[in-house]
Amino acid sequence: MKLSRLLAVAAILMTTASVWAQLATATLFGTITDSTGAVVPNATIKLTQVDTNFTRIVNSNDQGEYRAEFLPVGSYTARVEASTFQPFEQKGIALTATQSANLNFTLSVGTSTTVVEVTSAVPLVNLGNSTLSRTVDSIEVDNLPLVGRNAYRLLDLTSGIQSNTFENTVGFPAQHVIINGSPDDLVGEVS
């Protein structure tokens, strides 16, 4: 009886751990500098998600670097403040799941009565790692014509993916996926 309870508890813990492992957050990092290129230590970066008003406040370190991890996905506004500099505000920062976005800020010397506001969208270049990913959202899944509702056809929407369907040696249909030119050794085969 005790063994069955122990196994049940272990199964629940393993299920819970796998749910926690699925991240739907993003990371934003960068450097705060002034107009001459000198780093600005101890700057305050306030990140606000537009849709939910979720706010995260981080400070730059002695090298002017900041990092905000585990941010919920969505559109953000960033406000950067430091003593003897004009506050700077950036709108239109779009973060997607598992994205590591590098966003640097340049502050102008001045008083806090003037706010520099940038409203154009900034293309976020991933300089933090070499991960290439894409999220296929529910609108695309619902509206795209998928023959036979084969979800593997959605792989074709991601750059660097080559997939084809074939019949395996047993006679069942199989999906073979090649990612960024990986060798054709059937590692990506799904039956």
Protein backbone atom coordinates (compact mmCIF):
# COMPACT_ATOMS: atom_id res chain seq x y z
CA MET A 1 0.00 0.00 0.00
CA LYS A 2 2.81 2.42 0.86
CA LEU A 3 4.58 1.65 -2.42
CA SER A 4 1.50 2.57 -4.47
CA ARG A 5 1.18 5.89 -2.63
CA LEU A 6 4.86 6.60 -3.18
CA LEU A 7 4.50 5.86 -6.89
CA ALA A 8 1.43 8.11 -7.11
CA VAL A 9 3.30 11.00 -5.45
CA ALA A 10 6.29 10.46 -7.75
CA ALA A 11 4.01 10.50 -10.82
CA ILE A 12 2.40 13.76 -9.70
CA LEU A 13 5.78 15.39 -9.08
CA MET A 14 7.09 14.31 -12.48
CA THR A 15 3.97 15.67 -14.21
CA THR A 16 4.29 18.96 -12.36
CA ALA A 17 7.98 19.26 -13.25
CA SER A 18 7.26 18.78 -16.96
CA VAL A 19 4.60 21.51 -16.83
CA TRP A 20 7.08 23.93 -15.23
CA ALA A 21 9.69 23.14 -17.86
CA GLN A 22 7.56 24.54 -20.69
CA LEU A 23 8.57 28.20 -20.84
CA ALA A 24 6.43 30.81 -22.52
CA THR A 25 8.59 33.74 -21.48
CA ALA A 26 11.27 35.94 -23.03
CA THR A 27 14.50 37.65 -21.99
CA LEU A 28 15.49 41.25 -22.70
CA PHE A 29 19.06 42.42 -22.20
CA GLY A 30 21.40 45.17 -23.33
CA THR A 31 23.65 48.06 -22.41
CA ILE A 32 22.84 51.61 -21.31
CA THR A 33 25.22 54.25 -22.71
CA ASP A 34 25.34 58.01 -23.06
CA SER A 35 25.71 59.94 -26.33
CA THR A 36 29.53 59.58 -26.20
CA GLY A 37 29.34 55.79 -25.83
CA ALA A 38 30.30 55.73 -22.14
CA VAL A 39 28.35 53.23 -20.07
CA VAL A 40 25.72 54.43 -17.60
CA PRO A 41 25.80 52.42 -14.36
CA ASN A 42 22.82 52.22 -11.99
CA ALA A 43 20.24 53.23 -14.59
CA THR A 44 16.68 52.10 -13.85
CA ILE A 45 14.88 50.24 -16.63
CA LYS A 46 11.11 49.90 -16.17
CA LEU A 47 9.52 47.39 -18.55
CA THR A 48 5.73 47.53 -18.80
CA GLN A 49 3.65 45.04 -20.79
CA VAL A 50 1.09 47.07 -22.72
CA ASP A 51 -1.82 44.60 -22.59
CA THR A 52 -1.69 43.58 -18.91
CA ASN A 53 0.23 46.47 -17.31
CA PHE A 54 2.72 43.90 -15.90
CA THR A 55 5.83 45.79 -14.74
CA ARG A 56 9.41 44.62 -14.19
CA ILE A 57 12.09 47.02 -12.92
CA VAL A 58 15.80 46.19 -13.31
CA ASN A 59 18.96 48.25 -12.85
CA SER A 60 22.09 48.38 -14.97
CA ASN A 61 25.29 47.11 -13.35
CA ASP A 62 28.68 48.89 -13.19
CA GLN A 63 29.31 48.04 -16.87
CA GLY A 64 25.95 49.57 -17.88
CA GLU A 65 24.47 46.14 -18.65
CA TYR A 66 20.97 45.03 -17.70
CA ARG A 67 19.08 41.74 -18.02
CA ALA A 68 15.38 41.03 -17.46
CA GLU A 69 14.48 37.34 -17.62
CA PHE A 70 11.21 35.42 -17.55
CA LEU A 71 9.17 38.25 -19.07
CA PRO A 72 5.66 37.26 -20.20
CA VAL A 73 5.37 37.47 -23.99
CA GLY A 74 3.69 40.50 -25.55
CA SER A 75 4.23 44.13 -26.43
CA TYR A 76 6.29 46.25 -24.02
CA THR A 77 7.22 49.84 -23.28
CA ALA A 78 10.64 50.50 -21.74
CA ARG A 79 11.44 53.60 -19.68
CA VAL A 80 15.08 54.24 -18.78
CA GLU A 81 16.07 56.77 -16.11
CA ALA A 82 19.43 57.74 -14.61
CA SER A 83 20.58 60.74 -12.61
CA THR A 84 21.79 63.70 -14.73
CA PHE A 85 20.21 62.16 -17.87
CA GLN A 86 16.92 62.77 -19.65
CA PRO A 87 14.44 59.91 -19.22
CA PHE A 88 14.14 57.76 -22.34
CA GLU A 89 11.02 55.86 -23.39
CA GLN A 90 10.82 53.14 -26.07
CA LYS A 91 7.46 51.79 -27.25
CA GLY A 92 6.62 48.88 -29.54
CA ILE A 93 8.97 46.24 -28.13
CA ALA A 94 7.43 42.89 -29.13
CA LEU A 95 8.67 39.81 -27.27
CA THR A 96 7.80 36.25 -28.30
CA ALA A 97 8.16 32.94 -26.47
CA THR A 98 11.75 31.86 -25.66
CA GLN A 99 13.16 35.00 -27.34
CA SER A 100 16.41 36.54 -26.11
CA ALA A 101 16.29 40.10 -27.39
CA ASN A 102 19.20 42.53 -27.25
CA LEU A 103 18.03 46.13 -26.85
CA ASN A 104 20.54 48.89 -26.09
CA PHE A 105 19.56 52.36 -24.92
CA THR A 106 21.42 55.66 -25.41
CA LEU A 107 20.64 58.44 -22.92
CA SER A 108 21.09 62.17 -23.45
CA VAL A 109 22.51 64.45 -20.78
CA GLY A 110 19.89 66.75 -19.34
CA THR A 111 17.29 67.23 -16.66
CA SER A 112 14.42 64.94 -15.83
CA THR A 113 11.82 67.46 -17.06
CA THR A 114 12.39 66.43 -20.69
CA VAL A 115 11.45 62.93 -21.82
CA VAL A 116 12.87 61.46 -25.02
CA GLU A 117 10.18 59.20 -26.49
CA VAL A 118 10.79 56.82 -29.38
CA THR A 119 7.67 55.41 -31.01
CA SER A 120 9.04 53.55 -34.03
CA ALA A 121 9.27 49.78 -33.85
CA VAL A 122 12.75 48.48 -33.21
CA PRO A 123 13.86 45.28 -34.92
CA LEU A 124 15.25 43.14 -32.13
CA VAL A 125 18.39 41.35 -33.26
CA ASN A 126 19.26 38.29 -31.23
CA LEU A 127 22.91 38.74 -30.25
CA GLY A 128 22.58 36.65 -27.10
CA ASN A 129 22.49 33.18 -28.67
CA SER A 130 22.12 31.39 -31.99
CA THR A 131 18.63 30.08 -31.38
CA LEU A 132 16.27 30.38 -34.33
CA SER A 133 12.65 29.78 -33.47
CA ARG A 134 9.14 30.68 -34.51
CA THR A 135 5.81 30.44 -32.73
CA VAL A 136 2.86 29.28 -34.79
CA ASP A 137 -0.07 30.88 -33.04
CA SER A 138 -3.60 29.53 -32.76
CA ILE A 139 -4.92 31.96 -35.39
CA GLU A 140 -2.59 30.44 -38.00
CA VAL A 141 -3.46 26.89 -36.94
CA ASP A 142 -7.20 27.63 -37.17
CA ASN A 143 -7.09 29.56 -40.46
CA LEU A 144 -4.40 27.90 -42.59
CA PRO A 145 -5.58 25.18 -44.97
CA LEU A 146 -3.96 21.99 -43.68
CA VAL A 147 -4.68 18.96 -45.85
CA GLY A 148 -5.91 16.23 -43.55
CA ARG A 149 -5.20 18.56 -40.58
CA ASN A 150 -1.60 17.30 -40.59
CA ALA A 151 0.12 19.49 -37.99
CA TYR A 152 3.56 18.61 -39.41
CA ARG A 153 2.76 20.83 -42.41
CA LEU A 154 3.09 23.80 -40.02
CA LEU A 155 6.84 23.08 -39.89
CA ASP A 156 7.06 24.50 -43.42
CA LEU A 157 6.29 27.96 -41.98
CA THR A 158 9.66 28.09 -40.19
CA SER A 159 12.80 29.09 -42.06
CA GLY A 160 15.51 26.46 -42.31
CA ILE A 161 13.05 23.55 -42.10
CA GLN A 162 12.72 20.98 -44.85
CA SER A 163 10.19 18.23 -44.29
CA ASN A 164 8.73 15.49 -46.42
CA THR A 165 6.31 12.64 -45.92
CA PHE A 166 7.22 9.15 -47.05
CA GLU A 167 6.37 5.54 -46.35
CA ASN A 168 8.73 3.89 -43.88
CA THR A 169 10.04 0.31 -44.14
CA VAL A 170 7.05 -1.08 -42.25
CA GLY A 171 4.62 0.57 -44.66
CA PHE A 172 3.31 3.33 -42.43
CA PRO A 173 3.46 7.01 -43.34
CA ALA A 174 6.36 8.86 -41.72
CA GLN A 175 7.50 12.47 -41.55
CA HIS A 176 11.18 13.29 -42.08
CA VAL A 177 12.35 16.72 -40.89
CA ILE A 178 15.70 18.28 -41.82
CA ILE A 179 16.59 21.37 -39.79
CA ASN A 180 19.14 23.84 -41.18
CA GLY A 181 20.76 21.22 -43.42
CA SER A 182 21.27 18.60 -40.74
CA PRO A 183 22.60 15.32 -42.17
CA ASP A 184 20.09 12.90 -43.64
CA ASP A 185 20.48 10.16 -41.00
CA LEU A 186 16.76 9.86 -40.14
CA VAL A 187 17.24 11.53 -36.76
CA GLY A 188 14.20 13.73 -37.39
CA GLU A 189 11.97 10.86 -38.52
CA VAL A 190 8.55 10.75 -36.89
CA SER A 191 6.18 7.87 -37.56
